[in-house]
N, C-alpha and C. Protein backbone atom coordinates (compact mmCIF):
# COMPACT_ATOMS: atom_id res chain seq x y z
N MET A 1 -14.93 -1.20 -28.83
CA MET A 1 -15.20 -0.89 -27.42
C MET A 1 -14.14 0.09 -26.89
N SER A 2 -14.58 1.06 -26.11
CA SER A 2 -13.66 2.03 -25.54
C SER A 2 -12.68 1.35 -24.58
N MET A 3 -11.46 1.85 -24.56
CA MET A 3 -10.43 1.32 -23.67
C MET A 3 -10.42 2.02 -22.32
N THR A 4 -11.37 2.96 -22.14
CA THR A 4 -11.42 3.71 -20.89
C THR A 4 -12.81 3.63 -20.26
N MET A 5 -12.86 4.01 -18.98
CA MET A 5 -14.14 4.14 -18.28
C MET A 5 -14.10 5.46 -17.53
N LEU A 6 -15.29 6.02 -17.29
CA LEU A 6 -15.40 7.29 -16.58
C LEU A 6 -15.51 6.99 -15.09
N GLY A 7 -14.54 7.48 -14.32
CA GLY A 7 -14.54 7.23 -12.89
C GLY A 7 -15.53 8.10 -12.14
N PRO A 8 -15.71 7.84 -10.84
CA PRO A 8 -16.66 8.63 -10.03
C PRO A 8 -16.27 10.10 -9.93
N ASP A 9 -15.01 10.42 -10.22
CA ASP A 9 -14.55 11.81 -10.19
C ASP A 9 -14.62 12.47 -11.57
N GLY A 10 -15.18 11.74 -12.55
CA GLY A 10 -15.32 12.28 -13.89
C GLY A 10 -14.08 12.15 -14.75
N LYS A 11 -13.05 11.45 -14.27
CA LYS A 11 -11.81 11.28 -15.02
C LYS A 11 -11.79 9.92 -15.71
N LEU A 12 -11.16 9.89 -16.87
CA LEU A 12 -11.04 8.65 -17.63
C LEU A 12 -9.93 7.77 -17.07
N ARG A 13 -10.22 6.49 -16.98
CA ARG A 13 -9.24 5.52 -16.51
C ARG A 13 -9.29 4.28 -17.41
N CYS A 14 -8.24 3.45 -17.30
CA CYS A 14 -8.23 2.19 -18.04
C CYS A 14 -9.51 1.41 -17.73
N ARG A 15 -10.09 0.83 -18.75
CA ARG A 15 -11.40 0.20 -18.61
C ARG A 15 -11.43 -0.93 -17.58
N TRP A 16 -10.29 -1.60 -17.36
CA TRP A 16 -10.32 -2.72 -16.42
C TRP A 16 -10.66 -2.28 -15.00
N CYS A 17 -10.57 -0.99 -14.71
CA CYS A 17 -10.96 -0.48 -13.39
C CYS A 17 -12.43 -0.72 -13.09
N SER A 18 -13.23 -0.82 -14.13
CA SER A 18 -14.68 -0.97 -13.92
C SER A 18 -15.05 -2.35 -13.39
N ALA A 19 -14.10 -3.28 -13.36
CA ALA A 19 -14.41 -4.64 -12.92
C ALA A 19 -14.67 -4.74 -11.43
N ALA A 20 -14.13 -3.82 -10.65
CA ALA A 20 -14.32 -3.87 -9.19
C ALA A 20 -14.01 -2.50 -8.60
N PRO A 21 -14.77 -2.04 -7.59
CA PRO A 21 -14.54 -0.71 -7.01
C PRO A 21 -13.12 -0.54 -6.47
N GLU A 22 -12.56 -1.61 -5.89
CA GLU A 22 -11.23 -1.51 -5.29
C GLU A 22 -10.12 -1.36 -6.32
N PHE A 23 -10.43 -1.60 -7.58
CA PHE A 23 -9.42 -1.48 -8.62
C PHE A 23 -9.00 -0.02 -8.87
N ILE A 24 -9.89 0.92 -8.57
CA ILE A 24 -9.57 2.32 -8.88
C ILE A 24 -8.36 2.79 -8.07
N ASP A 25 -8.35 2.55 -6.76
CA ASP A 25 -7.20 2.96 -5.95
C ASP A 25 -5.93 2.21 -6.38
N TYR A 26 -6.07 0.93 -6.66
CA TYR A 26 -4.91 0.16 -7.11
C TYR A 26 -4.37 0.73 -8.41
N HIS A 27 -5.26 1.04 -9.32
CA HIS A 27 -4.89 1.62 -10.62
C HIS A 27 -4.22 2.99 -10.45
N ASP A 28 -4.80 3.84 -9.60
CA ASP A 28 -4.31 5.21 -9.46
C ASP A 28 -3.03 5.32 -8.64
N LEU A 29 -2.88 4.47 -7.65
CA LEU A 29 -1.77 4.63 -6.71
C LEU A 29 -0.60 3.68 -6.93
N GLU A 30 -0.84 2.57 -7.63
CA GLU A 30 0.21 1.57 -7.74
C GLU A 30 0.53 1.14 -9.17
N TRP A 31 -0.47 0.78 -9.94
CA TRP A 31 -0.25 0.09 -11.20
C TRP A 31 0.53 0.95 -12.19
N GLY A 32 1.70 0.49 -12.55
CA GLY A 32 2.52 1.20 -13.52
C GLY A 32 3.54 2.16 -12.94
N VAL A 33 3.44 2.45 -11.65
CA VAL A 33 4.41 3.34 -11.01
C VAL A 33 5.71 2.55 -10.79
N PRO A 34 6.85 3.05 -11.25
CA PRO A 34 8.10 2.26 -11.17
C PRO A 34 8.51 1.95 -9.74
N VAL A 35 8.96 0.71 -9.53
CA VAL A 35 9.31 0.20 -8.21
C VAL A 35 10.74 -0.32 -8.23
N ASP A 36 11.51 0.04 -7.20
CA ASP A 36 12.85 -0.52 -7.06
C ASP A 36 13.08 -1.18 -5.70
N ASP A 37 12.02 -1.34 -4.95
CA ASP A 37 12.10 -2.00 -3.64
C ASP A 37 12.04 -3.51 -3.83
N ASP A 38 13.07 -4.21 -3.37
CA ASP A 38 13.17 -5.64 -3.63
C ASP A 38 12.02 -6.46 -3.06
N ASN A 39 11.59 -6.12 -1.84
CA ASN A 39 10.50 -6.91 -1.25
C ASN A 39 9.19 -6.69 -2.01
N ARG A 40 8.95 -5.47 -2.48
CA ARG A 40 7.73 -5.22 -3.26
C ARG A 40 7.80 -5.95 -4.60
N LEU A 41 8.96 -5.96 -5.21
CA LEU A 41 9.11 -6.69 -6.47
C LEU A 41 8.90 -8.18 -6.26
N PHE A 42 9.47 -8.70 -5.19
CA PHE A 42 9.31 -10.12 -4.89
C PHE A 42 7.85 -10.44 -4.58
N GLU A 43 7.21 -9.60 -3.78
CA GLU A 43 5.80 -9.79 -3.47
C GLU A 43 4.96 -9.87 -4.74
N LYS A 44 5.18 -8.93 -5.64
CA LYS A 44 4.33 -8.86 -6.82
C LYS A 44 4.51 -10.08 -7.72
N ILE A 45 5.73 -10.51 -7.92
CA ILE A 45 5.93 -11.66 -8.80
C ILE A 45 5.36 -12.92 -8.16
N CYS A 46 5.37 -12.99 -6.83
CA CYS A 46 4.74 -14.12 -6.13
C CYS A 46 3.22 -14.07 -6.26
N LEU A 47 2.64 -12.89 -6.07
CA LEU A 47 1.19 -12.76 -6.17
C LEU A 47 0.70 -13.02 -7.59
N GLU A 48 1.49 -12.62 -8.58
CA GLU A 48 1.13 -12.95 -9.96
C GLU A 48 1.12 -14.46 -10.16
N GLY A 49 2.04 -15.16 -9.52
CA GLY A 49 2.05 -16.61 -9.58
C GLY A 49 0.81 -17.21 -8.93
N PHE A 50 0.42 -16.65 -7.78
CA PHE A 50 -0.80 -17.13 -7.12
C PHE A 50 -2.04 -16.86 -7.96
N GLN A 51 -1.99 -15.79 -8.76
CA GLN A 51 -3.16 -15.44 -9.57
C GLN A 51 -3.40 -16.44 -10.69
N SER A 52 -2.40 -17.18 -11.08
CA SER A 52 -2.54 -18.12 -12.20
C SER A 52 -3.80 -18.97 -12.04
N GLY A 53 -4.73 -18.86 -13.01
CA GLY A 53 -5.98 -19.58 -12.96
C GLY A 53 -7.06 -18.89 -12.15
N LEU A 54 -6.74 -17.75 -11.54
CA LEU A 54 -7.69 -17.01 -10.72
C LEU A 54 -7.79 -15.58 -11.25
N SER A 55 -8.53 -14.72 -10.54
CA SER A 55 -8.64 -13.32 -10.94
C SER A 55 -7.77 -12.46 -10.03
N TRP A 56 -7.33 -11.30 -10.55
CA TRP A 56 -6.56 -10.39 -9.73
C TRP A 56 -7.41 -9.85 -8.58
N ARG A 57 -8.72 -9.74 -8.79
CA ARG A 57 -9.59 -9.26 -7.71
C ARG A 57 -9.49 -10.20 -6.51
N THR A 58 -9.46 -11.50 -6.75
CA THR A 58 -9.33 -12.48 -5.66
C THR A 58 -8.03 -12.28 -4.90
N ILE A 59 -6.95 -12.08 -5.63
CA ILE A 59 -5.64 -11.92 -5.00
C ILE A 59 -5.54 -10.59 -4.27
N LEU A 60 -6.03 -9.53 -4.89
CA LEU A 60 -5.97 -8.21 -4.25
C LEU A 60 -6.76 -8.20 -2.95
N ALA A 61 -7.90 -8.86 -2.93
CA ALA A 61 -8.72 -8.92 -1.72
C ALA A 61 -7.99 -9.65 -0.59
N LYS A 62 -7.11 -10.56 -0.94
CA LYS A 62 -6.38 -11.35 0.05
C LYS A 62 -4.96 -10.85 0.28
N ARG A 63 -4.59 -9.73 -0.35
CA ARG A 63 -3.19 -9.32 -0.33
C ARG A 63 -2.65 -9.09 1.08
N GLU A 64 -3.42 -8.44 1.93
CA GLU A 64 -2.93 -8.21 3.30
C GLU A 64 -2.76 -9.53 4.04
N ASN A 65 -3.63 -10.50 3.76
CA ASN A 65 -3.47 -11.82 4.36
C ASN A 65 -2.19 -12.49 3.88
N PHE A 66 -1.92 -12.37 2.57
CA PHE A 66 -0.68 -12.91 2.01
C PHE A 66 0.52 -12.26 2.69
N ARG A 67 0.48 -10.96 2.84
CA ARG A 67 1.60 -10.24 3.45
C ARG A 67 1.86 -10.71 4.87
N SER A 68 0.80 -10.91 5.60
CA SER A 68 0.94 -11.40 6.97
C SER A 68 1.48 -12.83 7.00
N ALA A 69 0.94 -13.67 6.14
CA ALA A 69 1.32 -15.07 6.12
C ALA A 69 2.77 -15.28 5.68
N PHE A 70 3.25 -14.42 4.77
CA PHE A 70 4.61 -14.57 4.23
C PHE A 70 5.57 -13.51 4.78
N HIS A 71 5.28 -13.01 5.99
CA HIS A 71 6.18 -12.08 6.67
C HIS A 71 6.59 -10.91 5.77
N GLY A 72 5.59 -10.28 5.17
CA GLY A 72 5.84 -9.11 4.35
C GLY A 72 6.64 -9.40 3.09
N PHE A 73 6.65 -10.65 2.68
CA PHE A 73 7.42 -11.08 1.51
C PHE A 73 8.90 -10.69 1.63
N ASP A 74 9.40 -10.74 2.86
CA ASP A 74 10.84 -10.60 3.09
C ASP A 74 11.48 -11.88 2.57
N PHE A 75 12.05 -11.83 1.37
CA PHE A 75 12.48 -13.07 0.72
C PHE A 75 13.61 -13.76 1.46
N ARG A 76 14.41 -13.02 2.21
CA ARG A 76 15.48 -13.67 2.97
C ARG A 76 14.89 -14.49 4.12
N ARG A 77 13.78 -14.04 4.64
CA ARG A 77 13.11 -14.81 5.70
C ARG A 77 12.33 -15.98 5.10
N VAL A 78 11.61 -15.72 4.01
CA VAL A 78 10.83 -16.77 3.37
C VAL A 78 11.73 -17.90 2.87
N ALA A 79 12.94 -17.56 2.47
CA ALA A 79 13.88 -18.56 1.97
C ALA A 79 14.21 -19.63 3.01
N LYS A 80 13.99 -19.30 4.28
CA LYS A 80 14.32 -20.23 5.37
C LYS A 80 13.11 -21.07 5.80
N TYR A 81 11.97 -20.90 5.13
CA TYR A 81 10.78 -21.66 5.49
C TYR A 81 11.03 -23.16 5.28
N GLY A 82 10.40 -23.94 6.18
CA GLY A 82 10.48 -25.40 6.07
C GLY A 82 9.08 -26.01 5.99
N GLU A 83 9.01 -27.30 6.24
CA GLU A 83 7.74 -28.01 6.12
C GLU A 83 6.69 -27.50 7.11
N ARG A 84 7.11 -27.07 8.28
CA ARG A 84 6.15 -26.54 9.25
C ARG A 84 5.49 -25.27 8.70
N ASP A 85 6.26 -24.48 8.00
CA ASP A 85 5.70 -23.27 7.40
C ASP A 85 4.75 -23.62 6.26
N VAL A 86 5.10 -24.63 5.47
CA VAL A 86 4.21 -25.08 4.40
C VAL A 86 2.89 -25.53 5.00
N ALA A 87 2.95 -26.31 6.08
CA ALA A 87 1.73 -26.78 6.73
C ALA A 87 0.92 -25.61 7.28
N ARG A 88 1.61 -24.63 7.87
CA ARG A 88 0.94 -23.43 8.40
C ARG A 88 0.21 -22.69 7.28
N LEU A 89 0.87 -22.53 6.15
CA LEU A 89 0.28 -21.80 5.04
C LEU A 89 -0.88 -22.56 4.41
N LEU A 90 -0.76 -23.87 4.33
CA LEU A 90 -1.85 -24.68 3.78
C LEU A 90 -3.09 -24.64 4.67
N ALA A 91 -2.91 -24.30 5.94
CA ALA A 91 -4.04 -24.22 6.87
C ALA A 91 -4.61 -22.80 6.97
N ASP A 92 -3.99 -21.84 6.30
CA ASP A 92 -4.38 -20.44 6.39
C ASP A 92 -5.50 -20.16 5.39
N GLU A 93 -6.72 -19.97 5.89
CA GLU A 93 -7.87 -19.73 5.02
C GLU A 93 -7.85 -18.35 4.37
N GLY A 94 -6.95 -17.48 4.83
CA GLY A 94 -6.91 -16.12 4.30
C GLY A 94 -6.15 -15.99 3.00
N ILE A 95 -5.45 -17.06 2.58
CA ILE A 95 -4.68 -17.01 1.35
C ILE A 95 -5.16 -18.10 0.39
N VAL A 96 -4.52 -18.20 -0.75
CA VAL A 96 -4.82 -19.29 -1.69
C VAL A 96 -4.00 -20.50 -1.26
N ARG A 97 -4.69 -21.55 -0.86
CA ARG A 97 -4.00 -22.71 -0.29
C ARG A 97 -3.69 -23.74 -1.39
N HIS A 98 -2.65 -23.46 -2.11
CA HIS A 98 -2.23 -24.31 -3.23
C HIS A 98 -0.78 -24.71 -2.95
N ARG A 99 -0.56 -25.98 -2.66
CA ARG A 99 0.77 -26.42 -2.25
C ARG A 99 1.84 -26.05 -3.28
N GLY A 100 1.55 -26.29 -4.54
CA GLY A 100 2.54 -26.00 -5.57
C GLY A 100 2.95 -24.54 -5.60
N LYS A 101 1.97 -23.66 -5.45
CA LYS A 101 2.27 -22.23 -5.48
C LYS A 101 2.98 -21.78 -4.21
N ILE A 102 2.60 -22.33 -3.08
CA ILE A 102 3.28 -22.01 -1.82
C ILE A 102 4.74 -22.46 -1.87
N GLU A 103 4.95 -23.68 -2.32
CA GLU A 103 6.32 -24.19 -2.41
C GLU A 103 7.12 -23.41 -3.45
N ALA A 104 6.46 -22.92 -4.49
CA ALA A 104 7.14 -22.10 -5.49
C ALA A 104 7.63 -20.79 -4.88
N VAL A 105 6.84 -20.18 -4.00
CA VAL A 105 7.26 -18.95 -3.35
C VAL A 105 8.51 -19.18 -2.52
N ILE A 106 8.54 -20.29 -1.79
CA ILE A 106 9.72 -20.59 -0.96
C ILE A 106 10.94 -20.84 -1.85
N ASN A 107 10.74 -21.62 -2.89
CA ASN A 107 11.82 -21.85 -3.84
C ASN A 107 12.30 -20.53 -4.45
N ASN A 108 11.35 -19.69 -4.86
CA ASN A 108 11.73 -18.44 -5.50
C ASN A 108 12.43 -17.50 -4.52
N ALA A 109 12.06 -17.57 -3.25
CA ALA A 109 12.75 -16.76 -2.24
C ALA A 109 14.22 -17.19 -2.14
N GLN A 110 14.46 -18.47 -2.20
CA GLN A 110 15.83 -18.97 -2.16
C GLN A 110 16.61 -18.51 -3.38
N ARG A 111 15.96 -18.56 -4.53
CA ARG A 111 16.61 -18.09 -5.77
C ARG A 111 16.81 -16.57 -5.72
N ALA A 112 15.87 -15.87 -5.08
CA ALA A 112 15.97 -14.41 -4.97
C ALA A 112 17.17 -14.01 -4.11
N VAL A 113 17.42 -14.76 -3.05
CA VAL A 113 18.60 -14.48 -2.21
C VAL A 113 19.87 -14.62 -3.05
N GLU A 114 19.95 -15.70 -3.81
CA GLU A 114 21.12 -15.91 -4.67
C GLU A 114 21.28 -14.77 -5.68
N LEU A 115 20.16 -14.38 -6.27
CA LEU A 115 20.18 -13.35 -7.30
C LEU A 115 20.57 -11.99 -6.72
N ALA A 116 19.97 -11.63 -5.59
CA ALA A 116 20.26 -10.34 -4.97
C ALA A 116 21.71 -10.28 -4.50
N ASP A 117 22.22 -11.39 -3.98
CA ASP A 117 23.62 -11.40 -3.54
C ASP A 117 24.57 -11.24 -4.71
N ARG A 118 24.20 -11.77 -5.86
CA ARG A 118 25.07 -11.67 -7.03
C ARG A 118 24.95 -10.31 -7.71
N GLU A 119 23.72 -9.79 -7.85
CA GLU A 119 23.48 -8.57 -8.60
C GLU A 119 23.51 -7.30 -7.75
N GLY A 120 23.43 -7.48 -6.45
CA GLY A 120 23.34 -6.33 -5.56
C GLY A 120 21.91 -6.04 -5.14
N SER A 121 20.94 -6.39 -5.99
CA SER A 121 19.52 -6.25 -5.67
C SER A 121 18.71 -6.98 -6.73
N LEU A 122 17.48 -7.34 -6.38
CA LEU A 122 16.57 -7.89 -7.38
C LEU A 122 16.21 -6.82 -8.40
N ALA A 123 16.07 -5.59 -7.93
CA ALA A 123 15.69 -4.50 -8.82
C ALA A 123 16.67 -4.33 -9.97
N ALA A 124 17.95 -4.44 -9.66
CA ALA A 124 18.97 -4.29 -10.71
C ALA A 124 18.78 -5.33 -11.80
N PHE A 125 18.43 -6.54 -11.40
CA PHE A 125 18.23 -7.61 -12.38
C PHE A 125 16.95 -7.38 -13.19
N PHE A 126 15.84 -7.14 -12.50
CA PHE A 126 14.57 -6.98 -13.20
C PHE A 126 14.60 -5.80 -14.17
N TRP A 127 15.15 -4.67 -13.74
CA TRP A 127 15.12 -3.48 -14.58
C TRP A 127 16.04 -3.59 -15.78
N ARG A 128 16.91 -4.56 -15.78
CA ARG A 128 17.72 -4.82 -16.96
C ARG A 128 16.85 -5.22 -18.15
N TYR A 129 15.65 -5.71 -17.86
CA TYR A 129 14.75 -6.19 -18.91
C TYR A 129 13.70 -5.16 -19.30
N GLU A 130 13.86 -3.92 -18.86
CA GLU A 130 12.96 -2.86 -19.31
C GLU A 130 13.05 -2.73 -20.82
N PRO A 131 11.95 -2.84 -21.54
CA PRO A 131 12.04 -2.77 -23.01
C PRO A 131 12.31 -1.37 -23.52
N ALA A 132 12.97 -1.29 -24.66
CA ALA A 132 13.18 -0.01 -25.32
C ALA A 132 11.84 0.47 -25.87
N PRO A 133 11.65 1.80 -26.00
CA PRO A 133 10.37 2.33 -26.49
C PRO A 133 9.90 1.69 -27.79
N GLY A 134 10.81 1.40 -28.69
CA GLY A 134 10.43 0.82 -29.98
C GLY A 134 9.91 -0.60 -29.89
N GLN A 135 10.10 -1.25 -28.73
CA GLN A 135 9.65 -2.62 -28.54
C GLN A 135 8.24 -2.70 -27.95
N LEU A 136 7.67 -1.57 -27.60
CA LEU A 136 6.40 -1.56 -26.88
C LEU A 136 5.20 -1.69 -27.82
N ALA A 137 4.26 -2.52 -27.43
CA ALA A 137 3.01 -2.64 -28.16
C ALA A 137 2.08 -1.50 -27.76
N THR A 138 1.03 -1.28 -28.53
CA THR A 138 -0.01 -0.35 -28.12
C THR A 138 -0.54 -0.78 -26.77
N PRO A 139 -0.71 0.15 -25.81
CA PRO A 139 -1.12 -0.24 -24.46
C PRO A 139 -2.31 -1.20 -24.42
N GLN A 140 -2.16 -2.22 -23.61
CA GLN A 140 -3.19 -3.22 -23.31
C GLN A 140 -3.70 -3.97 -24.54
N THR A 141 -2.80 -4.19 -25.49
CA THR A 141 -3.14 -5.02 -26.65
C THR A 141 -2.34 -6.31 -26.67
N ALA A 142 -1.48 -6.51 -25.65
CA ALA A 142 -0.63 -7.70 -25.61
C ALA A 142 -0.66 -8.31 -24.22
N SER A 143 -0.40 -9.60 -24.13
CA SER A 143 -0.29 -10.27 -22.83
C SER A 143 1.11 -10.82 -22.60
N THR A 144 1.94 -10.75 -23.63
CA THR A 144 3.35 -11.10 -23.51
C THR A 144 4.13 -10.13 -24.40
N SER A 145 5.44 -10.17 -24.28
CA SER A 145 6.28 -9.33 -25.12
C SER A 145 7.65 -9.99 -25.24
N GLU A 146 8.45 -9.44 -26.12
CA GLU A 146 9.82 -9.94 -26.27
C GLU A 146 10.56 -9.83 -24.94
N ALA A 147 10.36 -8.72 -24.24
CA ALA A 147 11.03 -8.51 -22.95
C ALA A 147 10.53 -9.49 -21.90
N SER A 148 9.22 -9.72 -21.84
CA SER A 148 8.69 -10.66 -20.83
C SER A 148 9.12 -12.08 -21.13
N GLU A 149 9.22 -12.41 -22.41
CA GLU A 149 9.72 -13.73 -22.80
C GLU A 149 11.17 -13.90 -22.33
N ALA A 150 11.97 -12.86 -22.54
CA ALA A 150 13.39 -12.93 -22.16
C ALA A 150 13.56 -13.03 -20.65
N LEU A 151 12.79 -12.22 -19.89
CA LEU A 151 12.89 -12.26 -18.44
C LEU A 151 12.39 -13.58 -17.89
N SER A 152 11.29 -14.07 -18.44
CA SER A 152 10.76 -15.37 -18.03
C SER A 152 11.81 -16.47 -18.25
N LYS A 153 12.42 -16.46 -19.40
CA LYS A 153 13.43 -17.47 -19.74
C LYS A 153 14.62 -17.39 -18.78
N ALA A 154 15.05 -16.16 -18.47
CA ALA A 154 16.18 -15.98 -17.56
C ALA A 154 15.86 -16.47 -16.16
N LEU A 155 14.65 -16.16 -15.68
CA LEU A 155 14.26 -16.59 -14.34
C LEU A 155 14.14 -18.11 -14.26
N LYS A 156 13.55 -18.71 -15.27
CA LYS A 156 13.43 -20.16 -15.28
C LYS A 156 14.80 -20.83 -15.29
N LYS A 157 15.73 -20.26 -16.03
CA LYS A 157 17.08 -20.80 -16.09
C LYS A 157 17.75 -20.75 -14.72
N LEU A 158 17.36 -19.74 -13.93
CA LEU A 158 17.91 -19.60 -12.57
C LEU A 158 17.14 -20.42 -11.55
N GLY A 159 16.10 -21.15 -11.99
CA GLY A 159 15.38 -22.04 -11.10
C GLY A 159 14.09 -21.51 -10.51
N TRP A 160 13.63 -20.33 -10.98
CA TRP A 160 12.37 -19.79 -10.49
C TRP A 160 11.20 -20.57 -11.07
N LYS A 161 10.07 -20.56 -10.35
CA LYS A 161 8.87 -21.27 -10.80
C LYS A 161 7.68 -20.33 -10.87
N PHE A 162 6.67 -20.71 -11.64
CA PHE A 162 5.46 -19.90 -11.86
C PHE A 162 5.84 -18.52 -12.40
N VAL A 163 6.74 -18.48 -13.36
CA VAL A 163 7.18 -17.22 -13.94
C VAL A 163 7.13 -17.30 -15.47
N GLY A 164 5.99 -17.75 -15.99
CA GLY A 164 5.81 -17.79 -17.43
C GLY A 164 5.76 -16.40 -18.01
N PRO A 165 5.86 -16.24 -19.32
CA PRO A 165 5.90 -14.92 -19.94
C PRO A 165 4.66 -14.06 -19.71
N THR A 166 3.48 -14.68 -19.59
CA THR A 166 2.27 -13.90 -19.32
C THR A 166 2.29 -13.36 -17.89
N THR A 167 2.69 -14.21 -16.95
CA THR A 167 2.83 -13.79 -15.55
C THR A 167 3.85 -12.67 -15.44
N VAL A 168 4.98 -12.81 -16.13
CA VAL A 168 6.04 -11.81 -16.08
C VAL A 168 5.59 -10.51 -16.73
N TYR A 169 4.81 -10.60 -17.81
CA TYR A 169 4.32 -9.39 -18.46
C TYR A 169 3.42 -8.59 -17.51
N ALA A 170 2.53 -9.28 -16.80
CA ALA A 170 1.66 -8.61 -15.84
C ALA A 170 2.49 -7.96 -14.73
N PHE A 171 3.53 -8.64 -14.31
CA PHE A 171 4.46 -8.09 -13.31
C PHE A 171 5.11 -6.82 -13.84
N MET A 172 5.57 -6.84 -15.08
CA MET A 172 6.22 -5.67 -15.67
C MET A 172 5.25 -4.50 -15.82
N GLN A 173 4.00 -4.78 -16.17
CA GLN A 173 2.98 -3.73 -16.24
C GLN A 173 2.79 -3.07 -14.88
N ALA A 174 2.64 -3.89 -13.86
CA ALA A 174 2.31 -3.39 -12.52
C ALA A 174 3.47 -2.65 -11.87
N MET A 175 4.70 -3.13 -12.08
CA MET A 175 5.86 -2.57 -11.41
C MET A 175 6.52 -1.43 -12.18
N GLY A 176 5.90 -1.02 -13.29
CA GLY A 176 6.35 0.17 -13.99
C GLY A 176 7.47 -0.03 -14.97
N LEU A 177 7.82 -1.28 -15.29
CA LEU A 177 8.85 -1.49 -16.30
C LEU A 177 8.34 -1.08 -17.68
N ILE A 178 7.03 -1.02 -17.82
CA ILE A 178 6.39 -0.43 -18.99
C ILE A 178 5.24 0.44 -18.49
N ASN A 179 4.85 1.40 -19.31
CA ASN A 179 3.67 2.22 -19.00
C ASN A 179 2.55 1.70 -19.90
N ASP A 180 1.68 0.87 -19.36
CA ASP A 180 0.63 0.26 -20.16
C ASP A 180 -0.74 0.90 -19.92
N HIS A 181 -0.76 2.06 -19.27
CA HIS A 181 -2.01 2.82 -19.20
C HIS A 181 -2.37 3.27 -20.61
N VAL A 182 -3.64 3.18 -20.95
CA VAL A 182 -4.05 3.57 -22.30
C VAL A 182 -3.91 5.08 -22.47
N GLU A 183 -3.88 5.52 -23.72
CA GLU A 183 -3.54 6.90 -24.05
C GLU A 183 -4.45 7.93 -23.35
N ASP A 184 -5.74 7.65 -23.24
CA ASP A 184 -6.67 8.62 -22.66
C ASP A 184 -6.78 8.52 -21.15
N CYS A 185 -6.10 7.57 -20.55
CA CYS A 185 -6.20 7.37 -19.09
C CYS A 185 -5.55 8.54 -18.35
N THR A 186 -6.20 8.99 -17.29
CA THR A 186 -5.69 10.11 -16.51
C THR A 186 -4.33 9.82 -15.89
N MET A 187 -4.01 8.52 -15.70
CA MET A 187 -2.75 8.16 -15.05
C MET A 187 -1.59 8.04 -16.02
N ARG A 188 -1.85 7.99 -17.31
CA ARG A 188 -0.75 7.74 -18.24
C ARG A 188 0.34 8.82 -18.16
N ALA A 189 -0.07 10.07 -18.16
CA ALA A 189 0.90 11.17 -18.11
C ALA A 189 1.64 11.18 -16.76
N LYS A 190 0.93 10.87 -15.68
CA LYS A 190 1.56 10.84 -14.36
C LYS A 190 2.61 9.74 -14.28
N VAL A 191 2.27 8.58 -14.82
CA VAL A 191 3.23 7.48 -14.82
C VAL A 191 4.41 7.79 -15.73
N THR A 192 4.16 8.44 -16.85
CA THR A 192 5.24 8.85 -17.75
C THR A 192 6.23 9.75 -17.01
N ARG A 193 5.71 10.70 -16.23
CA ARG A 193 6.58 11.60 -15.46
C ARG A 193 7.34 10.83 -14.39
N ALA A 194 6.65 9.90 -13.73
CA ALA A 194 7.30 9.11 -12.69
C ALA A 194 8.43 8.26 -13.27
N ARG A 195 8.20 7.71 -14.44
CA ARG A 195 9.23 6.89 -15.09
C ARG A 195 10.43 7.74 -15.52
N LYS A 196 10.18 8.97 -15.95
CA LYS A 196 11.28 9.86 -16.35
C LYS A 196 12.13 10.24 -15.14
N ALA A 197 11.49 10.40 -13.99
CA ALA A 197 12.22 10.80 -12.78
C ALA A 197 12.87 9.62 -12.07
N PHE A 198 12.48 8.43 -12.45
CA PHE A 198 12.94 7.22 -11.77
C PHE A 198 14.40 6.92 -12.11
N LYS A 199 15.22 6.66 -11.09
CA LYS A 199 16.62 6.29 -11.30
C LYS A 199 16.72 4.78 -11.41
N ARG A 200 17.08 4.30 -12.58
CA ARG A 200 17.19 2.86 -12.80
C ARG A 200 18.30 2.29 -11.93
N PRO A 201 18.04 1.19 -11.21
CA PRO A 201 19.08 0.59 -10.36
C PRO A 201 20.16 -0.08 -11.18
N SER A 202 21.37 -0.03 -10.66
CA SER A 202 22.51 -0.66 -11.32
C SER A 202 22.89 -1.94 -10.58
N SER A 203 23.39 -2.91 -11.32
CA SER A 203 23.84 -4.15 -10.69
C SER A 203 25.19 -3.94 -10.03
N ALA A 204 25.52 -4.84 -9.12
CA ALA A 204 26.80 -4.77 -8.42
C ALA A 204 27.95 -4.83 -9.41
N SER A 205 27.81 -5.66 -10.45
CA SER A 205 28.89 -5.80 -11.43
C SER A 205 29.07 -4.53 -12.24
N ALA A 206 27.93 -3.86 -12.55
CA ALA A 206 28.02 -2.62 -13.31
C ALA A 206 28.70 -1.53 -12.50
N VAL A 207 28.35 -1.47 -11.20
CA VAL A 207 28.95 -0.47 -10.32
C VAL A 207 30.46 -0.71 -10.22
N ALA A 208 30.84 -1.98 -10.15
CA ALA A 208 32.25 -2.33 -9.97
C ALA A 208 33.11 -1.94 -11.16
N THR A 209 32.49 -1.84 -12.34
CA THR A 209 33.25 -1.55 -13.55
C THR A 209 33.20 -0.09 -13.94
N THR A 210 32.50 0.73 -13.18
CA THR A 210 32.42 2.16 -13.52
C THR A 210 33.39 2.97 -12.70
């Protein structure tokens, strides 16, 4: 089976775009483009956790509702949520109302504050796990990797939840830590250029020693 699909503009894209019309914009504008904004990184890893057992189409359709409900995934604000916020979120029909996942986001926000304060940013920590080119599988042939296993293990050790290696791999694909667009996809070359121009963030400790 071909790994690409022909878009309405006649350009080839990763085949998963054919699953829903809204996937094309997500694929072209976001998926695989490198990100160093902490709130966007936190948002994505939380949404990947919410996706567990569901489809990305379900989560993407509710993303603006999630953003509103979780105050733009400002992790320093979410870290201060209490039981009243949990009750508010469980009553919000616009999001996935799963107590375990909601409580995991709050827990992870607290861990994110600790991590960002220690490393200087979440981005500095996450990008430390960018795999070397020789570690990469053929695009879209894997659901985990050595790098996602390592990042998952590190996050779990720090107390994060809903961050298994498959969830983390999807996060790495989306946030540009790897370029997983297939070879014939119109976006692969664009993402390659974006990754070359991207300045990898440094941790506070690294800056202090240079």
